[in-house]
Amino acid sequence: MDNIYEICNKIVTCLQNEDYDFLNEHNALGRVSEEDIKRVIYEYGDYLSLSPNLADDMCIYMYNDKSGMKIDLDLWIDGKRSDLTLQVEIKLDEDDRINSYRILDILVM
């Protein structure tokens, strides 16, 4: 589970710092573009903050076939939890190790 938190924390940190090169290098932006993410964050509010307790801000949905999971992660804006949600997919290999991850969407929920 720690690796899941680390990945989600890294994604949020990259978004916060606008480090889209890292996300591109890890193929995390295949479904959602850098421009779309920037636009949604800009239109929503000001400063993307890190969550004080990531575990409290995420819902993890395991796939029935055990191939991975979808995560809904509440984002924080200006130090407060917002209704802006980052959706992330993490794929697992046959030994339940993390194989890949990608941003699925960023939306208001």
PDB file of N, CA and C in Angstrom:
ATOM      1  N   MET A   1       0.811  -1.199   0.000  1.00  0.00           N
ATOM      2  CA  MET A   1       0.000   0.000   0.000  1.00  0.00           C
ATOM      3  C   MET A   1       0.856   1.266   0.000  1.00  0.00           C
ATOM      4  N   ASP A   2       2.014   1.208   0.656  1.00  0.00           N
ATOM      5  CA  ASP A   2       2.874   2.387   0.718  1.00  0.00           C
ATOM      6  C   ASP A   2       3.250   2.880  -0.669  1.00  0.00           C
ATOM      7  N   ASN A   3       3.505   1.951  -1.585  1.00  0.00           N
ATOM      8  CA  ASN A   3       3.862   2.352  -2.940  1.00  0.00           C
ATOM      9  C   ASN A   3       2.734   3.108  -3.622  1.00  0.00           C
ATOM     10  N   ILE A   4       1.506   2.730  -3.330  1.00  0.00           N
ATOM     11  CA  ILE A   4       0.347   3.424  -3.909  1.00  0.00           C
ATOM     12  C   ILE A   4       0.325   4.867  -3.413  1.00  0.00           C
ATOM     13  N   TYR A   5       0.529   5.044  -2.126  1.00  0.00           N
ATOM     14  CA  TYR A   5       0.562   6.399  -1.564  1.00  0.00           C
ATOM     15  C   TYR A   5       1.721   7.200  -2.150  1.00  0.00           C
ATOM     16  N   GLU A   6       2.872   6.553  -2.306  1.00  0.00           N
ATOM     17  CA  GLU A   6       4.036   7.239  -2.870  1.00  0.00           C
ATOM     18  C   GLU A   6       3.770   7.698  -4.299  1.00  0.00           C
ATOM     19  N   ILE A   7       3.149   6.840  -5.090  1.00  0.00           N
ATOM     20  CA  ILE A   7       2.845   7.204  -6.474  1.00  0.00           C
ATOM     21  C   ILE A   7       1.857   8.359  -6.517  1.00  0.00           C
ATOM     22  N   CYS A   8       0.789   8.274  -5.736  1.00  0.00           N
ATOM     23  CA  CYS A   8      -0.209   9.352  -5.733  1.00  0.00           C
ATOM     24  C   CYS A   8       0.405  10.657  -5.235  1.00  0.00           C
ATOM     25  N   ASN A   9       1.225  10.576  -4.213  1.00  0.00           N
ATOM     26  CA  ASN A   9       1.899  11.763  -3.699  1.00  0.00           C
ATOM     27  C   ASN A   9       2.818  12.361  -4.760  1.00  0.00           C
ATOM     28  N   LYS A  10       3.538  11.504  -5.481  1.00  0.00           N
ATOM     29  CA  LYS A  10       4.443  11.977  -6.536  1.00  0.00           C
ATOM     30  C   LYS A  10       3.659  12.648  -7.658  1.00  0.00           C
ATOM     31  N   ILE A  11       2.536  12.071  -8.046  1.00  0.00           N
ATOM     32  CA  ILE A  11       1.711  12.679  -9.099  1.00  0.00           C
ATOM     33  C   ILE A  11       1.238  14.061  -8.673  1.00  0.00           C
ATOM     34  N   VAL A  12       0.722  14.172  -7.459  1.00  0.00           N
ATOM     35  CA  VAL A  12       0.239  15.470  -6.977  1.00  0.00           C
ATOM     36  C   VAL A  12       1.390  16.471  -6.888  1.00  0.00           C
ATOM     37  N   THR A  13       2.545  16.027  -6.419  1.00  0.00           N
ATOM     38  CA  THR A  13       3.711  16.908  -6.348  1.00  0.00           C
ATOM     39  C   THR A  13       4.099  17.391  -7.740  1.00  0.00           C
ATOM     40  N   CYS A  14       4.069  16.495  -8.720  1.00  0.00           N
ATOM     41  CA  CYS A  14       4.381  16.893 -10.099  1.00  0.00           C
ATOM     42  C   CYS A  14       3.369  17.912 -10.615  1.00  0.00           C
ATOM     43  N   LEU A  15       2.101  17.701 -10.328  1.00  0.00           N
ATOM     44  CA  LEU A  15       1.083  18.664 -10.755  1.00  0.00           C
ATOM     45  C   LEU A  15       1.292  20.008 -10.065  1.00  0.00           C
ATOM     46  N   GLN A  16       1.592  19.950  -8.789  1.00  0.00           N
ATOM     47  CA  GLN A  16       1.822  21.162  -8.009  1.00  0.00           C
ATOM     48  C   GLN A  16       3.003  21.953  -8.564  1.00  0.00           C
ATOM     49  N   ASN A  17       4.062  21.246  -8.938  1.00  0.00           N
ATOM     50  CA  ASN A  17       5.281  21.894  -9.431  1.00  0.00           C
ATOM     51  C   ASN A  17       5.309  22.031 -10.949  1.00  0.00           C
ATOM     52  N   GLU A  18       4.226  21.624 -11.586  1.00  0.00           N
ATOM     53  CA  GLU A  18       4.122  21.625 -13.047  1.00  0.00           C
ATOM     54  C   GLU A  18       5.282  20.867 -13.686  1.00  0.00           C
ATOM     55  N   ASP A  19       5.622  19.735 -13.095  1.00  0.00           N
ATOM     56  CA  ASP A  19       6.675  18.864 -13.610  1.00  0.00           C
ATOM     57  C   ASP A  19       6.038  17.805 -14.505  1.00  0.00           C
ATOM     58  N   TYR A  20       5.561  18.230 -15.644  1.00  0.00           N
ATOM     59  CA  TYR A  20       4.884  17.326 -16.572  1.00  0.00           C
ATOM     60  C   TYR A  20       5.882  16.455 -17.327  1.00  0.00           C
ATOM     61  N   ASP A  21       7.145  16.837 -17.364  1.00  0.00           N
ATOM     62  CA  ASP A  21       8.159  16.010 -18.005  1.00  0.00           C
ATOM     63  C   ASP A  21       8.273  14.661 -17.298  1.00  0.00           C
ATOM     64  N   PHE A  22       8.279  14.683 -15.972  1.00  0.00           N
ATOM     65  CA  PHE A  22       8.356  13.441 -15.203  1.00  0.00           C
ATOM     66  C   PHE A  22       7.152  12.557 -15.511  1.00  0.00           C
ATOM     67  N   LEU A  23       5.968  13.160 -15.531  1.00  0.00           N
ATOM     68  CA  LEU A  23       4.758  12.389 -15.810  1.00  0.00           C
ATOM     69  C   LEU A  23       4.783  11.823 -17.228  1.00  0.00           C
ATOM     70  N   ASN A  24       5.277  12.598 -18.178  1.00  0.00           N
ATOM     71  CA  ASN A  24       5.403  12.112 -19.549  1.00  0.00           C
ATOM     72  C   ASN A  24       6.389  10.957 -19.635  1.00  0.00           C
ATOM     73  N   GLU A  25       7.514  11.067 -18.937  1.00  0.00           N
ATOM     74  CA  GLU A  25       8.530  10.012 -18.948  1.00  0.00           C
ATOM     75  C   GLU A  25       7.993   8.691 -18.411  1.00  0.00           C
ATOM     76  N   HIS A  26       7.016   8.784 -17.505  1.00  0.00           N
ATOM     77  CA  HIS A  26       6.429   7.584 -16.905  1.00  0.00           C
ATOM     78  C   HIS A  26       5.093   7.210 -17.554  1.00  0.00           C
ATOM     79  N   ASN A  27       4.823   7.812 -18.708  1.00  0.00           N
ATOM     80  CA  ASN A  27       3.605   7.524 -19.477  1.00  0.00           C
ATOM     81  C   ASN A  27       2.326   7.709 -18.663  1.00  0.00           C
ATOM     82  N   ALA A  28       2.331   8.651 -17.751  1.00  0.00           N
ATOM     83  CA  ALA A  28       1.170   8.892 -16.897  1.00  0.00           C
ATOM     84  C   ALA A  28       0.145   9.826 -17.536  1.00  0.00           C
ATOM     85  N   LEU A  29       0.498  10.423 -18.667  1.00  0.00           N
ATOM     86  CA  LEU A  29      -0.397  11.391 -19.299  1.00  0.00           C
ATOM     87  C   LEU A  29      -1.000  10.872 -20.607  1.00  0.00           C
ATOM     88  N   GLY A  30      -1.058   9.578 -20.785  1.00  0.00           N
ATOM     89  CA  GLY A  30      -1.563   9.030 -22.029  1.00  0.00           C
ATOM     90  C   GLY A  30      -3.016   9.337 -22.304  1.00  0.00           C
ATOM     91  N   ARG A  31      -3.804   9.438 -21.274  1.00  0.00           N
ATOM     92  CA  ARG A  31      -5.247   9.645 -21.453  1.00  0.00           C
ATOM     93  C   ARG A  31      -5.648  11.103 -21.299  1.00  0.00           C
ATOM     94  N   VAL A  32      -4.961  11.832 -20.452  1.00  0.00           N
ATOM     95  CA  VAL A  32      -5.269  13.239 -20.189  1.00  0.00           C
ATOM     96  C   VAL A  32      -4.024  14.056 -20.512  1.00  0.00           C
ATOM     97  N   SER A  33      -4.208  15.137 -21.236  1.00  0.00           N
ATOM     98  CA  SER A  33      -3.061  15.939 -21.646  1.00  0.00           C
ATOM     99  C   SER A  33      -2.643  16.928 -20.560  1.00  0.00           C
ATOM    100  N   GLU A  34      -1.400  17.336 -20.662  1.00  0.00           N
ATOM    101  CA  GLU A  34      -0.862  18.377 -19.774  1.00  0.00           C
ATOM    102  C   GLU A  34      -1.726  19.628 -19.850  1.00  0.00           C
ATOM    103  N   GLU A  35      -2.107  20.027 -21.042  1.00  0.00           N
ATOM    104  CA  GLU A  35      -2.910  21.241 -21.233  1.00  0.00           C
ATOM    105  C   GLU A  35      -4.263  21.130 -20.534  1.00  0.00           C
ATOM    106  N   ASP A  36      -4.903  19.956 -20.625  1.00  0.00           N
ATOM    107  CA  ASP A  36      -6.197  19.765 -19.968  1.00  0.00           C
ATOM    108  C   ASP A  36      -6.072  19.854 -18.455  1.00  0.00           C
ATOM    109  N   ILE A  37      -5.037  19.243 -17.914  1.00  0.00           N
ATOM    110  CA  ILE A  37      -4.835  19.279 -16.463  1.00  0.00           C
ATOM    111  C   ILE A  37      -4.594  20.705 -16.001  1.00  0.00           C
ATOM    112  N   LYS A  38      -3.716  21.406 -16.685  1.00  0.00           N
ATOM    113  CA  LYS A  38      -3.440  22.801 -16.317  1.00  0.00           C
ATOM    114  C   LYS A  38      -4.708  23.649 -16.387  1.00  0.00           C
ATOM    115  N   ARG A  39      -5.496  23.445 -17.432  1.00  0.00           N
ATOM    116  CA  ARG A  39      -6.715  24.226 -17.613  1.00  0.00           C
ATOM    117  C   ARG A  39      -7.690  23.980 -16.465  1.00  0.00           C
ATOM    118  N   VAL A  40      -7.897  22.721 -16.111  1.00  0.00           N
ATOM    119  CA  VAL A  40      -8.851  22.388 -15.044  1.00  0.00           C
ATOM    120  C   VAL A  40      -8.390  22.977 -13.716  1.00  0.00           C
ATOM    121  N   ILE A  41      -7.115  22.830 -13.390  1.00  0.00           N
ATOM    122  CA  ILE A  41      -6.604  23.383 -12.128  1.00  0.00           C
ATOM    123  C   ILE A  41      -6.713  24.900 -12.129  1.00  0.00           C
ATOM    124  N   TYR A  42      -6.360  25.526 -13.227  1.00  0.00           N
ATOM    125  CA  TYR A  42      -6.429  26.993 -13.331  1.00  0.00           C
ATOM    126  C   TYR A  42      -7.871  27.479 -13.206  1.00  0.00           C
ATOM    127  N   GLU A  43      -8.797  26.807 -13.891  1.00  0.00           N
ATOM    128  CA  GLU A  43     -10.195  27.226 -13.842  1.00  0.00           C
ATOM    129  C   GLU A  43     -10.821  26.980 -12.476  1.00  0.00           C
ATOM    130  N   TYR A  44     -10.306  25.979 -11.763  1.00  0.00           N
ATOM    131  CA  TYR A  44     -10.892  25.644 -10.470  1.00  0.00           C
ATOM    132  C   TYR A  44     -10.494  26.621  -9.377  1.00  0.00           C
ATOM    133  N   GLY A  45      -9.237  26.968  -9.324  1.00  0.00           N
ATOM    134  CA  GLY A  45      -8.813  27.798  -8.206  1.00  0.00           C
ATOM    135  C   GLY A  45      -7.365  28.203  -8.328  1.00  0.00           C
ATOM    136  N   ASP A  46      -6.774  28.440  -7.204  1.00  0.00           N
ATOM    137  CA  ASP A  46      -5.437  28.988  -7.178  1.00  0.00           C
ATOM    138  C   ASP A  46      -4.363  27.916  -7.070  1.00  0.00           C
ATOM    139  N   TYR A  47      -3.905  27.645  -5.872  1.00  0.00           N
ATOM    140  CA  TYR A  47      -2.700  26.877  -5.629  1.00  0.00           C
ATOM    141  C   TYR A  47      -3.042  25.444  -5.223  1.00  0.00           C
ATOM    142  N   LEU A  48      -2.527  24.481  -5.959  1.00  0.00           N
ATOM    143  CA  LEU A  48      -2.695  23.075  -5.626  1.00  0.00           C
ATOM    144  C   LEU A  48      -1.797  22.747  -4.448  1.00  0.00           C
ATOM    145  N   SER A  49      -2.380  22.229  -3.369  1.00  0.00           N
ATOM    146  CA  SER A  49      -1.644  21.916  -2.136  1.00  0.00           C
ATOM    147  C   SER A  49      -1.519  20.408  -1.977  1.00  0.00           C
ATOM    148  N   LEU A  50      -0.575  19.990  -1.175  1.00  0.00           N
ATOM    149  CA  LEU A  50      -0.471  18.583  -0.817  1.00  0.00           C
ATOM    150  C   LEU A  50      -1.435  18.271   0.317  1.00  0.00           C
ATOM    151  N   SER A  51      -1.996  17.098   0.295  1.00  0.00           N
ATOM    152  CA  SER A  51      -2.893  16.649   1.351  1.00  0.00           C
ATOM    153  C   SER A  51      -2.095  16.390   2.620  1.00  0.00           C
ATOM    154  N   PRO A  52      -2.626  16.797   3.785  1.00  0.00           N
ATOM    155  CA  PRO A  52      -1.925  16.493   5.032  1.00  0.00           C
ATOM    156  C   PRO A  52      -1.976  14.997   5.371  1.00  0.00           C
ATOM    157  N   ASN A  53      -2.985  14.279   4.862  1.00  0.00           N
ATOM    158  CA  ASN A  53      -3.094  12.845   5.114  1.00  0.00           C
ATOM    159  C   ASN A  53      -3.712  12.191   3.885  1.00  0.00           C
ATOM    160  N   LEU A  54      -2.862  11.779   2.984  1.00  0.00           N
ATOM    161  CA  LEU A  54      -3.285  11.244   1.698  1.00  0.00           C
ATOM    162  C   LEU A  54      -4.274  10.092   1.843  1.00  0.00           C
ATOM    163  N   ALA A  55      -4.070   9.230   2.825  1.00  0.00           N
ATOM    164  CA  ALA A  55      -4.942   8.062   2.998  1.00  0.00           C
ATOM    165  C   ALA A  55      -6.391   8.465   3.235  1.00  0.00           C
ATOM    166  N   ASP A  56      -6.613   9.597   3.889  1.00  0.00           N
ATOM    167  CA  ASP A  56      -7.978  10.068   4.153  1.00  0.00           C
ATOM    168  C   ASP A  56      -8.645  10.664   2.920  1.00  0.00           C
ATOM    169  N   ASP A  57      -7.851  10.982   1.902  1.00  0.00           N
ATOM    170  CA  ASP A  57      -8.374  11.684   0.731  1.00  0.00           C
ATOM    171  C   ASP A  57      -8.491  10.792  -0.496  1.00  0.00           C
ATOM    172  N   MET A  58      -8.336   9.479  -0.320  1.00  0.00           N
ATOM    173  CA  MET A  58      -8.410   8.614  -1.488  1.00  0.00           C
ATOM    174  C   MET A  58      -9.345   7.439  -1.272  1.00  0.00           C
ATOM    175  N   CYS A  59      -9.974   7.052  -2.359  1.00  0.00           N
ATOM    176  CA  CYS A  59     -10.780   5.830  -2.398  1.00  0.00           C
ATOM    177  C   CYS A  59     -10.129   4.921  -3.431  1.00  0.00           C
ATOM    178  N   ILE A  60      -9.881   3.681  -3.040  1.00  0.00           N
ATOM    179  CA  ILE A  60      -9.216   2.718  -3.908  1.00  0.00           C
ATOM    180  C   ILE A  60     -10.227   1.650  -4.301  1.00  0.00           C
ATOM    181  N   TYR A  61     -10.341   1.423  -5.607  1.00  0.00           N
ATOM    182  CA  TYR A  61     -11.263   0.433  -6.150  1.00  0.00           C
ATOM    183  C   TYR A  61     -10.447  -0.624  -6.891  1.00  0.00           C
ATOM    184  N   MET A  62     -10.339  -1.803  -6.304  1.00  0.00           N
ATOM    185  CA  MET A  62      -9.598  -2.900  -6.940  1.00  0.00           C
ATOM    186  C   MET A  62     -10.416  -3.466  -8.093  1.00  0.00           C
ATOM    187  N   TYR A  63      -9.750  -3.785  -9.176  1.00  0.00           N
ATOM    188  CA  TYR A  63     -10.408  -4.435 -10.307  1.00  0.00           C
ATOM    189  C   TYR A  63     -10.718  -5.884  -9.938  1.00  0.00           C
ATOM    190  N   ASN A  64     -11.868  -6.366 -10.400  1.00  0.00           N
ATOM    191  CA  ASN A  64     -12.276  -7.747 -10.098  1.00  0.00           C
ATOM    192  C   ASN A  64     -11.267  -8.777 -10.561  1.00  0.00           C
ATOM    193  N   ASP A  65     -10.592  -8.502 -11.672  1.00  0.00           N
ATOM    194  CA  ASP A  65      -9.624  -9.466 -12.195  1.00  0.00           C
ATOM    195  C   ASP A  65      -8.239  -9.324 -11.547  1.00  0.00           C
ATOM    196  N   LYS A  66      -8.127  -8.459 -10.546  1.00  0.00           N
ATOM    197  CA  LYS A  66      -6.883  -8.241  -9.785  1.00  0.00           C
ATOM    198  C   LYS A  66      -5.742  -7.671 -10.630  1.00  0.00           C
ATOM    199  N   SER A  67      -6.064  -7.082 -11.788  1.00  0.00           N
ATOM    200  CA  SER A  67      -5.031  -6.531 -12.667  1.00  0.00           C
ATOM    201  C   SER A  67      -4.591  -5.127 -12.262  1.00  0.00           C
ATOM    202  N   GLY A  68      -5.304  -4.535 -11.319  1.00  0.00           N
ATOM    203  CA  GLY A  68      -4.951  -3.192 -10.898  1.00  0.00           C
ATOM    204  C   GLY A  68      -6.060  -2.551 -10.102  1.00  0.00           C
ATOM    205  N   MET A  69      -6.035  -1.231 -10.102  1.00  0.00           N
ATOM    206  CA  MET A  69      -7.003  -0.475  -9.305  1.00  0.00           C
ATOM    207  C   MET A  69      -7.205   0.914  -9.883  1.00  0.00           C
ATOM    208  N   LYS A  70      -8.348   1.491  -9.559  1.00  0.00           N
ATOM    209  CA  LYS A  70      -8.634   2.887  -9.862  1.00  0.00           C
ATOM    210  C   LYS A  70      -8.677   3.618  -8.530  1.00  0.00           C
ATOM    211  N   ILE A  71      -8.096   4.804  -8.510  1.00  0.00           N
ATOM    212  CA  ILE A  71      -8.044   5.602  -7.286  1.00  0.00           C
ATOM    213  C   ILE A  71      -8.685   6.951  -7.557  1.00  0.00           C
ATOM    214  N   ASP A  72      -9.606   7.336  -6.691  1.00  0.00           N
ATOM    215  CA  ASP A  72     -10.148   8.693  -6.684  1.00  0.00           C
ATOM    216  C   ASP A  72      -9.457   9.434  -5.551  1.00  0.00           C
ATOM    217  N   LEU A  73      -8.780  10.510  -5.895  1.00  0.00           N
ATOM    218  CA  LEU A  73      -7.991  11.258  -4.920  1.00  0.00           C
ATOM    219  C   LEU A  73      -8.498  12.693  -4.852  1.00  0.00           C
ATOM    220  N   ASP A  74      -9.048  13.074  -3.696  1.00  0.00           N
ATOM    221  CA  ASP A  74      -9.483  14.459  -3.497  1.00  0.00           C
ATOM    222  C   ASP A  74      -8.257  15.355  -3.484  1.00  0.00           C
ATOM    223  N   LEU A  75      -8.316  16.430  -4.256  1.00  0.00           N
ATOM    224  CA  LEU A  75      -7.210  17.378  -4.296  1.00  0.00           C
ATOM    225  C   LEU A  75      -7.460  18.536  -3.347  1.00  0.00           C
ATOM    226  N   TRP A  76      -6.391  19.128  -2.892  1.00  0.00           N
ATOM    227  CA  TRP A  76      -6.447  20.271  -1.986  1.00  0.00           C
ATOM    228  C   TRP A  76      -6.048  21.524  -2.748  1.00  0.00           C
ATOM    229  N   ILE A  77      -6.820  22.571  -2.569  1.00  0.00           N
ATOM    230  CA  ILE A  77      -6.550  23.873  -3.178  1.00  0.00           C
ATOM    231  C   ILE A  77      -6.421  24.891  -2.052  1.00  0.00           C
ATOM    232  N   ASP A  78      -5.334  25.634  -2.075  1.00  0.00           N
ATOM    233  CA  ASP A  78      -5.074  26.660  -1.052  1.00  0.00           C
ATOM    234  C   ASP A  78      -5.200  26.115   0.371  1.00  0.00           C
ATOM    235  N   GLY A  79      -4.696  24.902   0.590  1.00  0.00           N
ATOM    236  CA  GLY A  79      -4.677  24.319   1.925  1.00  0.00           C
ATOM    237  C   GLY A  79      -5.987  23.747   2.405  1.00  0.00           C
ATOM    238  N   LYS A  80      -6.990  23.645   1.515  1.00  0.00           N
ATOM    239  CA  LYS A  80      -8.300  23.109   1.903  1.00  0.00           C
ATOM    240  C   LYS A  80      -8.717  22.039   0.917  1.00  0.00           C
ATOM    241  N   ARG A  81      -9.368  20.997   1.462  1.00  0.00           N
ATOM    242  CA  ARG A  81      -9.873  19.944   0.583  1.00  0.00           C
ATOM    243  C   ARG A  81     -10.907  20.549  -0.359  1.00  0.00           C
ATOM    244  N   SER A  82     -10.784  20.202  -1.621  1.00  0.00           N
ATOM    245  CA  SER A  82     -11.720  20.702  -2.622  1.00  0.00           C
ATOM    246  C   SER A  82     -12.561  19.544  -3.146  1.00  0.00           C
ATOM    247  N   ASP A  83     -13.477  19.842  -4.047  1.00  0.00           N
ATOM    248  CA  ASP A  83     -14.227  18.770  -4.694  1.00  0.00           C
ATOM    249  C   ASP A  83     -13.625  18.428  -6.059  1.00  0.00           C
ATOM    250  N   LEU A  84     -12.412  18.893  -6.292  1.00  0.00           N
ATOM    251  CA  LEU A  84     -11.653  18.525  -7.477  1.00  0.00           C
ATOM    252  C   LEU A  84     -10.992  17.167  -7.201  1.00  0.00           C
ATOM    253  N   THR A  85     -11.217  16.231  -8.095  1.00  0.00           N
ATOM    254  CA  THR A  85     -10.758  14.859  -7.886  1.00  0.00           C
ATOM    255  C   THR A  85      -9.842  14.414  -9.008  1.00  0.00           C
ATOM    256  N   LEU A  86      -8.742  13.817  -8.634  1.00  0.00           N
ATOM    257  CA  LEU A  86      -7.809  13.225  -9.575  1.00  0.00           C
ATOM    258  C   LEU A  86      -8.094  11.735  -9.615  1.00  0.00           C
ATOM    259  N   GLN A  87      -8.283  11.200 -10.814  1.00  0.00           N
ATOM    260  CA  GLN A  87      -8.499   9.768 -10.955  1.00  0.00           C
ATOM    261  C   GLN A  87      -7.251   9.154 -11.567  1.00  0.00           C
ATOM    262  N   VAL A  88      -6.742   8.134 -10.900  1.00  0.00           N
ATOM    263  CA  VAL A  88      -5.492   7.483 -11.278  1.00  0.00           C
ATOM    264  C   VAL A  88      -5.743   5.984 -11.413  1.00  0.00           C
ATOM    265  N   GLU A  89      -5.100   5.396 -12.399  1.00  0.00           N
ATOM    266  CA  GLU A  89      -5.145   3.938 -12.549  1.00  0.00           C
ATOM    267  C   GLU A  89      -3.745   3.395 -12.294  1.00  0.00           C
ATOM    268  N   ILE A  90      -3.692   2.346 -11.501  1.00  0.00           N
ATOM    269  CA  ILE A  90      -2.437   1.646 -11.245  1.00  0.00           C
ATOM    270  C   ILE A  90      -2.626   0.208 -11.709  1.00  0.00           C
ATOM    271  N   LYS A  91      -1.738  -0.244 -12.569  1.00  0.00           N
ATOM    272  CA  LYS A  91      -1.787  -1.615 -13.083  1.00  0.00           C
ATOM    273  C   LYS A  91      -0.740  -2.456 -12.357  1.00  0.00           C
ATOM    274  N   LEU A  92      -1.103  -3.709 -12.072  1.00  0.00           N
ATOM    275  CA  LEU A  92      -0.241  -4.636 -11.346  1.00  0.00           C
ATOM    276  C   LEU A  92       0.204  -5.771 -12.263  1.00  0.00           C
ATOM    277  N   ASP A  93       1.378  -6.335 -11.976  1.00  0.00           N
ATOM    278  CA  ASP A  93       1.810  -7.516 -12.722  1.00  0.00           C
ATOM    279  C   ASP A  93       1.276  -8.767 -12.024  1.00  0.00           C
ATOM    280  N   GLU A  94       1.656  -9.934 -12.521  1.00  0.00           N
ATOM    281  CA  GLU A  94       1.123 -11.191 -11.977  1.00  0.00           C
ATOM    282  C   GLU A  94       1.580 -11.460 -10.544  1.00  0.00           C
ATOM    283  N   ASP A  95       2.610 -10.748 -10.075  1.00  0.00           N
ATOM    284  CA  ASP A  95       3.080 -10.881  -8.697  1.00  0.00           C
ATOM    285  C   ASP A  95       2.587  -9.746  -7.794  1.00  0.00           C
ATOM    286  N   ASP A  96       1.564  -9.026  -8.262  1.00  0.00           N
ATOM    287  CA  ASP A  96       0.956  -7.912  -7.529  1.00  0.00           C
ATOM    288  C   ASP A  96       1.901  -6.739  -7.295  1.00  0.00           C
ATOM    289  N   ARG A  97       2.913  -6.621  -8.132  1.00  0.00           N
ATOM    290  CA  ARG A  97       3.799  -5.454  -8.074  1.00  0.00           C
ATOM    291  C   ARG A  97       3.280  -4.410  -9.050  1.00  0.00           C
ATOM    292  N   ILE A  98       3.529  -3.158  -8.733  1.00  0.00           N
ATOM    293  CA  ILE A  98       3.066  -2.075  -9.597  1.00  0.00           C
ATOM    294  C   ILE A  98       3.828  -2.114 -10.906  1.00  0.00           C
ATOM    295  N   ASN A  99       3.068  -2.183 -11.976  1.00  0.00           N
ATOM    296  CA  ASN A  99       3.628  -2.275 -13.318  1.00  0.00           C
ATOM    297  C   ASN A  99       3.632  -0.904 -14.001  1.00  0.00           C
ATOM    298  N   SER A 100       2.545  -0.151 -13.825  1.00  0.00           N
ATOM    299  CA  SER A 100       2.432   1.166 -14.445  1.00  0.00           C
ATOM    300  C   SER A 100       1.336   1.968 -13.740  1.00  0.00           C
ATOM    301  N   TYR A 101       1.324   3.252 -14.040  1.00  0.00           N
ATOM    302  CA  TYR A 101       0.263   4.110 -13.525  1.00  0.00           C
ATOM    303  C   TYR A 101      -0.002   5.215 -14.541  1.00  0.00           C
ATOM    304  N   ARG A 102      -1.228   5.744 -14.499  1.00  0.00           N
ATOM    305  CA  ARG A 102      -1.574   6.844 -15.389  1.00  0.00           C
ATOM    306  C   ARG A 102      -2.742   7.627 -14.811  1.00  0.00           C
ATOM    307  N   ILE A 103      -2.774   8.876 -15.187  1.00  0.00           N
ATOM    308  CA  ILE A 103      -3.884   9.743 -14.803  1.00  0.00           C
ATOM    309  C   ILE A 103      -5.031   9.446 -15.764  1.00  0.00           C
ATOM    310  N   LEU A 104      -6.195   9.135 -15.206  1.00  0.00           N
ATOM    311  CA  LEU A 104      -7.372   8.874 -16.014  1.00  0.00           C
ATOM    312  C   LEU A 104      -8.176  10.132 -16.270  1.00  0.00           C
ATOM    313  N   ASP A 105      -8.277  10.982 -15.240  1.00  0.00           N
ATOM    314  CA  ASP A 105      -9.091  12.187 -15.374  1.00  0.00           C
ATOM    315  C   ASP A 105      -8.835  13.110 -14.192  1.00  0.00           C
ATOM    316  N   ILE A 106      -9.257  14.332 -14.347  1.00  0.00           N
ATOM    317  CA  ILE A 106      -9.283  15.310 -13.261  1.00  0.00           C
ATOM    318  C   ILE A 106     -10.603  16.046 -13.424  1.00  0.00           C
ATOM    319  N   LEU A 107     -11.465  15.963 -12.412  1.00  0.00           N
ATOM    320  CA  LEU A 107     -12.811  16.477 -12.552  1.00  0.00           C
ATOM    321  C   LEU A 107     -13.380  16.896 -11.200  1.00  0.00           C
ATOM    322  N   VAL A 108     -14.486  17.611 -11.260  1.00  0.00           N
ATOM    323  CA  VAL A 108     -15.197  18.015 -10.040  1.00  0.00           C
ATOM    324  C   VAL A 108     -16.200  16.916  -9.719  1.00  0.00           C
ATOM    325  N   MET A 109     -16.106  16.398  -8.478  1.00  0.00           N
ATOM    326  CA  MET A 109     -17.028  15.350  -8.039  1.00  0.00           C
ATOM    327  C   MET A 109     -17.724  15.771  -6.757  1.00  0.00           C
TER     328      MET A 109
END
